[in-house]
């Protein structure tokens, strides 16, 4: 253990000790409410790991809303190499070598599959 104590803090879950660092602190009730609905855990490590995931299952990418941290404009990057190959019929390297217009067309086809 490094001896460093780290805490997960988000709007609506601030400790008094945290708030005291900011004399002009203002609570935004709307953001607090949203965060309480969507923040699954106050455990820093599990939240960090969840937000830093680089791969998701096909089922997870079909969910609406998308998992936290997933950029819908880059959804193909969250597929494992095997799943990418299955869905695009090529490797990620081959995909990256394609012209941008072709990548966009392939992503549109993938979006149709995701939304069905």
N, C-alpha and C. Protein backbone atom coordinates (compact mmCIF):
# COMPACT_ATOMS: atom_id res chain seq x y z
N UNK A 1 0.84 -1.20 0.00
CA UNK A 1 0.00 0.00 0.00
C UNK A 1 0.88 1.24 0.00
N UNK A 2 0.49 2.23 -0.79
CA UNK A 2 1.28 3.46 -0.92
C UNK A 2 1.03 4.43 0.22
N UNK A 3 0.01 4.19 1.02
CA UNK A 3 -0.31 5.10 2.10
C UNK A 3 -1.12 6.30 1.67
N UNK A 4 -1.46 6.37 0.38
CA UNK A 4 -2.27 7.47 -0.14
C UNK A 4 -3.72 7.06 -0.09
N UNK A 5 -4.54 7.90 0.52
CA UNK A 5 -5.96 7.62 0.62
C UNK A 5 -6.69 8.40 -0.47
N UNK A 6 -7.38 7.69 -1.34
CA UNK A 6 -8.12 8.33 -2.42
C UNK A 6 -9.60 7.99 -2.28
N UNK A 7 -10.44 8.96 -2.55
CA UNK A 7 -11.88 8.77 -2.46
C UNK A 7 -12.55 9.17 -3.76
N UNK A 8 -13.62 8.48 -4.11
CA UNK A 8 -14.42 8.85 -5.25
C UNK A 8 -15.42 9.91 -4.79
N UNK A 9 -15.39 11.06 -5.46
CA UNK A 9 -16.29 12.16 -5.12
C UNK A 9 -17.02 12.56 -6.39
N UNK A 10 -18.32 12.67 -6.30
CA UNK A 10 -19.12 13.15 -7.41
C UNK A 10 -20.22 14.04 -6.87
N UNK A 11 -20.79 14.87 -7.75
CA UNK A 11 -21.83 15.80 -7.33
C UNK A 11 -22.96 15.03 -6.64
N UNK A 12 -23.27 15.44 -5.44
CA UNK A 12 -24.30 14.78 -4.65
C UNK A 12 -23.74 13.82 -3.63
N UNK A 13 -22.43 13.57 -3.69
CA UNK A 13 -21.79 12.64 -2.76
C UNK A 13 -20.53 13.25 -2.14
N UNK A 14 -20.49 14.57 -2.04
CA UNK A 14 -19.31 15.23 -1.50
C UNK A 14 -19.35 15.18 0.02
N UNK A 15 -18.20 14.86 0.61
CA UNK A 15 -18.10 14.90 2.06
C UNK A 15 -17.94 16.35 2.51
N UNK A 16 -18.25 16.62 3.77
CA UNK A 16 -18.07 17.97 4.32
C UNK A 16 -16.60 18.37 4.22
N UNK A 17 -15.71 17.42 4.47
CA UNK A 17 -14.27 17.70 4.38
C UNK A 17 -13.90 18.17 2.98
N UNK A 18 -14.45 17.53 1.95
CA UNK A 18 -14.19 17.91 0.56
C UNK A 18 -14.76 19.30 0.29
N UNK A 19 -16.01 19.53 0.65
CA UNK A 19 -16.67 20.81 0.39
C UNK A 19 -15.93 21.96 1.07
N UNK A 20 -15.35 21.71 2.24
CA UNK A 20 -14.65 22.77 2.98
C UNK A 20 -13.41 23.29 2.25
N UNK A 21 -12.90 22.54 1.27
CA UNK A 21 -11.78 23.03 0.47
C UNK A 21 -12.20 24.14 -0.49
N UNK A 22 -13.50 24.28 -0.71
CA UNK A 22 -14.03 25.21 -1.70
C UNK A 22 -15.04 26.15 -1.03
N UNK A 23 -14.60 27.34 -0.61
CA UNK A 23 -15.47 28.25 0.13
C UNK A 23 -16.74 28.67 -0.62
N UNK A 24 -16.71 28.67 -1.92
CA UNK A 24 -17.86 29.11 -2.70
C UNK A 24 -18.66 27.92 -3.26
N UNK A 25 -18.64 26.81 -2.56
CA UNK A 25 -19.29 25.59 -3.05
C UNK A 25 -20.80 25.79 -3.22
N UNK A 26 -21.31 25.36 -4.38
CA UNK A 26 -22.75 25.42 -4.65
C UNK A 26 -23.20 24.03 -5.06
N UNK A 27 -24.23 23.53 -4.42
CA UNK A 27 -24.76 22.21 -4.75
C UNK A 27 -25.75 22.35 -5.90
N UNK A 28 -25.56 21.54 -6.93
CA UNK A 28 -26.47 21.51 -8.07
C UNK A 28 -27.36 20.28 -7.88
N UNK A 29 -28.60 20.51 -7.45
CA UNK A 29 -29.50 19.41 -7.11
C UNK A 29 -29.81 18.51 -8.31
N UNK A 30 -29.93 19.10 -9.50
CA UNK A 30 -30.25 18.31 -10.69
C UNK A 30 -29.12 17.33 -11.02
N UNK A 31 -27.89 17.83 -10.99
CA UNK A 31 -26.74 16.97 -11.26
C UNK A 31 -26.61 15.92 -10.16
N UNK A 32 -26.83 16.31 -8.93
CA UNK A 32 -26.77 15.36 -7.81
C UNK A 32 -27.76 14.22 -8.00
N UNK A 33 -28.96 14.56 -8.41
CA UNK A 33 -30.00 13.54 -8.62
C UNK A 33 -29.60 12.57 -9.73
N UNK A 34 -29.12 13.12 -10.84
CA UNK A 34 -28.70 12.27 -11.97
C UNK A 34 -27.56 11.35 -11.55
N UNK A 35 -26.58 11.90 -10.85
CA UNK A 35 -25.44 11.10 -10.43
C UNK A 35 -25.85 9.98 -9.49
N UNK A 36 -26.77 10.25 -8.59
CA UNK A 36 -27.22 9.22 -7.65
C UNK A 36 -27.90 8.07 -8.39
N UNK A 37 -28.52 8.37 -9.54
CA UNK A 37 -29.15 7.32 -10.34
C UNK A 37 -28.14 6.50 -11.12
N UNK A 38 -27.04 7.12 -11.57
CA UNK A 38 -26.15 6.46 -12.50
C UNK A 38 -24.81 6.01 -11.93
N UNK A 39 -24.40 6.54 -10.81
CA UNK A 39 -23.14 6.10 -10.21
C UNK A 39 -23.44 4.86 -9.39
N UNK A 40 -22.92 3.73 -9.87
CA UNK A 40 -23.28 2.44 -9.28
C UNK A 40 -22.61 2.18 -7.94
N UNK A 41 -21.45 2.76 -7.72
CA UNK A 41 -20.68 2.44 -6.52
C UNK A 41 -19.85 3.64 -6.11
N UNK A 42 -19.61 3.77 -4.81
CA UNK A 42 -18.70 4.83 -4.38
C UNK A 42 -17.29 4.27 -4.17
N UNK A 43 -17.08 3.03 -4.63
CA UNK A 43 -15.76 2.42 -4.56
C UNK A 43 -14.90 2.95 -5.71
N UNK A 44 -13.84 3.65 -5.39
CA UNK A 44 -13.01 4.31 -6.39
C UNK A 44 -12.41 3.32 -7.38
N UNK A 45 -11.83 2.24 -6.91
CA UNK A 45 -11.16 1.30 -7.80
C UNK A 45 -12.14 0.63 -8.76
N UNK A 46 -13.28 0.18 -8.28
CA UNK A 46 -14.24 -0.49 -9.18
C UNK A 46 -14.81 0.50 -10.19
N UNK A 47 -15.06 1.75 -9.77
CA UNK A 47 -15.56 2.76 -10.70
C UNK A 47 -14.50 3.10 -11.73
N UNK A 48 -13.27 3.26 -11.30
CA UNK A 48 -12.17 3.54 -12.22
C UNK A 48 -12.05 2.42 -13.25
N UNK A 49 -12.07 1.19 -12.78
CA UNK A 49 -11.94 0.04 -13.70
C UNK A 49 -13.11 -0.01 -14.68
N UNK A 50 -14.30 0.28 -14.21
CA UNK A 50 -15.48 0.27 -15.09
C UNK A 50 -15.38 1.35 -16.16
N UNK A 51 -14.95 2.54 -15.78
CA UNK A 51 -14.85 3.65 -16.73
C UNK A 51 -13.66 3.50 -17.68
N UNK A 52 -12.71 2.67 -17.33
CA UNK A 52 -11.52 2.48 -18.17
C UNK A 52 -11.55 1.19 -18.97
N UNK A 53 -12.68 0.57 -19.01
CA UNK A 53 -12.79 -0.64 -19.82
C UNK A 53 -12.54 -0.29 -21.28
N UNK A 54 -11.84 -1.17 -21.96
CA UNK A 54 -11.56 -0.92 -23.38
C UNK A 54 -12.35 -1.86 -24.28
N UNK A 55 -12.96 -2.90 -23.69
CA UNK A 55 -13.75 -3.84 -24.47
C UNK A 55 -15.09 -4.10 -23.80
N UNK A 56 -16.10 -4.25 -24.64
CA UNK A 56 -17.45 -4.57 -24.18
C UNK A 56 -18.01 -5.69 -25.03
N UNK A 57 -18.94 -6.42 -24.46
CA UNK A 57 -19.60 -7.49 -25.21
C UNK A 57 -20.57 -6.86 -26.21
N UNK A 58 -20.98 -7.65 -27.18
CA UNK A 58 -21.94 -7.19 -28.18
C UNK A 58 -23.23 -6.78 -27.48
N UNK A 59 -23.65 -7.56 -26.51
CA UNK A 59 -24.89 -7.27 -25.78
C UNK A 59 -24.80 -5.92 -25.05
N UNK A 60 -23.67 -5.65 -24.42
CA UNK A 60 -23.49 -4.38 -23.71
C UNK A 60 -23.54 -3.19 -24.66
N UNK A 61 -23.00 -3.36 -25.87
CA UNK A 61 -22.99 -2.26 -26.84
C UNK A 61 -24.35 -2.06 -27.50
N UNK A 62 -25.25 -3.00 -27.33
CA UNK A 62 -26.60 -2.87 -27.87
C UNK A 62 -27.53 -2.18 -26.87
N UNK A 63 -27.09 -2.02 -25.63
CA UNK A 63 -27.93 -1.40 -24.60
C UNK A 63 -28.03 0.10 -24.82
N UNK A 64 -29.17 0.63 -24.51
CA UNK A 64 -29.39 2.07 -24.52
C UNK A 64 -29.82 2.48 -23.12
N UNK A 65 -29.16 3.40 -22.50
CA UNK A 65 -27.97 4.11 -22.99
C UNK A 65 -26.76 3.18 -22.99
N UNK A 66 -25.74 3.60 -23.74
CA UNK A 66 -24.49 2.85 -23.77
C UNK A 66 -23.85 2.87 -22.39
N UNK A 67 -22.96 1.91 -22.11
CA UNK A 67 -22.26 1.92 -20.82
C UNK A 67 -21.51 3.25 -20.60
N UNK A 68 -21.36 3.67 -19.36
CA UNK A 68 -20.65 4.92 -19.07
C UNK A 68 -19.26 4.93 -19.68
N UNK A 69 -18.91 6.04 -20.30
CA UNK A 69 -17.58 6.19 -20.88
C UNK A 69 -17.45 5.72 -22.32
N UNK A 70 -18.48 5.05 -22.85
CA UNK A 70 -18.41 4.57 -24.24
C UNK A 70 -18.77 5.71 -25.18
N UNK A 71 -17.87 5.98 -26.12
CA UNK A 71 -18.08 7.03 -27.12
C UNK A 71 -18.81 6.42 -28.30
N UNK A 72 -20.08 6.80 -28.54
CA UNK A 72 -20.83 6.19 -29.64
C UNK A 72 -20.20 6.43 -31.01
N UNK A 73 -19.42 7.48 -31.14
CA UNK A 73 -18.76 7.77 -32.42
C UNK A 73 -17.59 6.81 -32.68
N UNK A 74 -17.15 6.12 -31.64
CA UNK A 74 -16.02 5.19 -31.77
C UNK A 74 -16.39 3.79 -31.29
N UNK A 75 -17.63 3.43 -31.45
CA UNK A 75 -18.14 2.18 -30.87
C UNK A 75 -17.37 0.95 -31.32
N UNK A 76 -16.85 0.98 -32.54
CA UNK A 76 -16.12 -0.18 -33.06
C UNK A 76 -14.84 -0.44 -32.27
N UNK A 77 -14.30 0.58 -31.63
CA UNK A 77 -13.04 0.41 -30.88
C UNK A 77 -13.24 -0.40 -29.60
N UNK A 78 -14.47 -0.58 -29.16
CA UNK A 78 -14.75 -1.30 -27.92
C UNK A 78 -14.97 -2.80 -28.15
N UNK A 79 -14.91 -3.24 -29.40
CA UNK A 79 -15.06 -4.65 -29.71
C UNK A 79 -13.73 -5.37 -29.52
N UNK A 80 -13.78 -6.58 -29.00
CA UNK A 80 -12.56 -7.40 -28.92
C UNK A 80 -12.11 -7.70 -30.34
N UNK A 81 -10.86 -8.11 -30.50
CA UNK A 81 -10.35 -8.45 -31.83
C UNK A 81 -11.21 -9.52 -32.50
N UNK A 82 -11.59 -10.52 -31.73
CA UNK A 82 -12.41 -11.62 -32.28
C UNK A 82 -13.78 -11.13 -32.71
N UNK A 83 -14.43 -10.36 -31.85
CA UNK A 83 -15.76 -9.84 -32.17
C UNK A 83 -15.69 -8.85 -33.33
N UNK A 84 -14.64 -8.04 -33.37
CA UNK A 84 -14.45 -7.10 -34.47
C UNK A 84 -14.36 -7.88 -35.79
N UNK A 85 -13.55 -8.91 -35.79
CA UNK A 85 -13.37 -9.74 -37.00
C UNK A 85 -14.72 -10.34 -37.42
N UNK A 86 -15.49 -10.80 -36.44
CA UNK A 86 -16.80 -11.41 -36.73
C UNK A 86 -17.76 -10.39 -37.35
N UNK A 87 -17.79 -9.18 -36.81
CA UNK A 87 -18.76 -8.18 -37.26
C UNK A 87 -18.33 -7.46 -38.53
N UNK A 88 -17.05 -7.16 -38.67
CA UNK A 88 -16.56 -6.40 -39.83
C UNK A 88 -15.94 -7.28 -40.92
N UNK A 89 -15.75 -8.54 -40.61
CA UNK A 89 -15.14 -9.48 -41.56
C UNK A 89 -13.73 -9.06 -41.97
N UNK A 90 -13.04 -8.42 -41.03
CA UNK A 90 -11.64 -8.02 -41.24
C UNK A 90 -11.03 -7.72 -39.88
N UNK A 91 -9.71 -7.60 -39.84
CA UNK A 91 -9.03 -7.26 -38.60
C UNK A 91 -9.13 -5.76 -38.35
N UNK A 92 -8.81 -5.34 -37.13
CA UNK A 92 -8.79 -3.91 -36.81
C UNK A 92 -7.75 -3.18 -37.66
N UNK A 93 -6.62 -3.85 -37.92
CA UNK A 93 -5.57 -3.24 -38.73
C UNK A 93 -6.05 -3.02 -40.17
N UNK A 94 -6.75 -4.02 -40.71
CA UNK A 94 -7.29 -3.89 -42.07
C UNK A 94 -8.32 -2.76 -42.12
N UNK A 95 -9.12 -2.66 -41.09
CA UNK A 95 -10.13 -1.60 -41.00
C UNK A 95 -9.46 -0.22 -41.00
N UNK A 96 -8.43 -0.09 -40.19
CA UNK A 96 -7.72 1.20 -40.09
C UNK A 96 -7.07 1.60 -41.42
N UNK A 97 -6.73 0.60 -42.23
CA UNK A 97 -6.10 0.87 -43.53
C UNK A 97 -7.12 1.29 -44.60
N UNK A 98 -8.40 1.09 -44.32
CA UNK A 98 -9.45 1.46 -45.28
C UNK A 98 -9.60 2.97 -45.35
N UNK A 99 -10.04 3.49 -46.49
CA UNK A 99 -10.32 4.93 -46.60
C UNK A 99 -11.40 5.32 -45.58
N UNK A 100 -11.35 6.55 -45.14
CA UNK A 100 -12.30 7.04 -44.12
C UNK A 100 -13.75 6.84 -44.55
N UNK A 101 -14.07 7.10 -45.82
CA UNK A 101 -15.45 6.95 -46.29
C UNK A 101 -15.93 5.51 -46.15
N UNK A 102 -15.01 4.56 -46.37
CA UNK A 102 -15.38 3.15 -46.26
C UNK A 102 -15.58 2.76 -44.79
N UNK A 103 -14.73 3.29 -43.91
CA UNK A 103 -14.90 3.05 -42.47
C UNK A 103 -16.27 3.55 -42.02
N UNK A 104 -16.65 4.74 -42.49
CA UNK A 104 -17.94 5.32 -42.13
C UNK A 104 -19.09 4.44 -42.61
N UNK A 105 -19.00 3.96 -43.84
CA UNK A 105 -20.04 3.06 -44.38
C UNK A 105 -20.15 1.78 -43.55
N UNK A 106 -19.00 1.21 -43.18
CA UNK A 106 -19.01 -0.02 -42.38
C UNK A 106 -19.59 0.24 -40.99
N UNK A 107 -19.27 1.41 -40.42
CA UNK A 107 -19.81 1.75 -39.11
C UNK A 107 -21.32 1.95 -39.18
N UNK A 108 -21.82 2.48 -40.28
CA UNK A 108 -23.27 2.64 -40.44
C UNK A 108 -23.95 1.27 -40.46
N UNK A 109 -23.33 0.31 -41.16
CA UNK A 109 -23.89 -1.04 -41.17
C UNK A 109 -23.86 -1.65 -39.77
N UNK A 110 -22.78 -1.41 -39.05
CA UNK A 110 -22.66 -1.92 -37.68
C UNK A 110 -23.72 -1.28 -36.80
N UNK A 111 -23.97 0.02 -36.97
CA UNK A 111 -24.99 0.72 -36.19
C UNK A 111 -26.36 0.08 -36.41
N UNK A 112 -26.64 -0.32 -37.64
CA UNK A 112 -27.92 -0.98 -37.93
C UNK A 112 -28.01 -2.31 -37.16
N UNK A 113 -26.88 -3.03 -37.10
CA UNK A 113 -26.87 -4.29 -36.36
C UNK A 113 -27.05 -4.06 -34.86
N UNK A 114 -26.41 -3.02 -34.36
CA UNK A 114 -26.49 -2.72 -32.93
C UNK A 114 -27.91 -2.31 -32.54
N UNK A 115 -28.55 -1.55 -33.40
CA UNK A 115 -29.88 -1.04 -33.06
C UNK A 115 -30.99 -2.05 -33.30
N UNK A 116 -30.68 -3.23 -33.79
CA UNK A 116 -31.70 -4.28 -34.02
C UNK A 116 -31.54 -5.41 -33.05
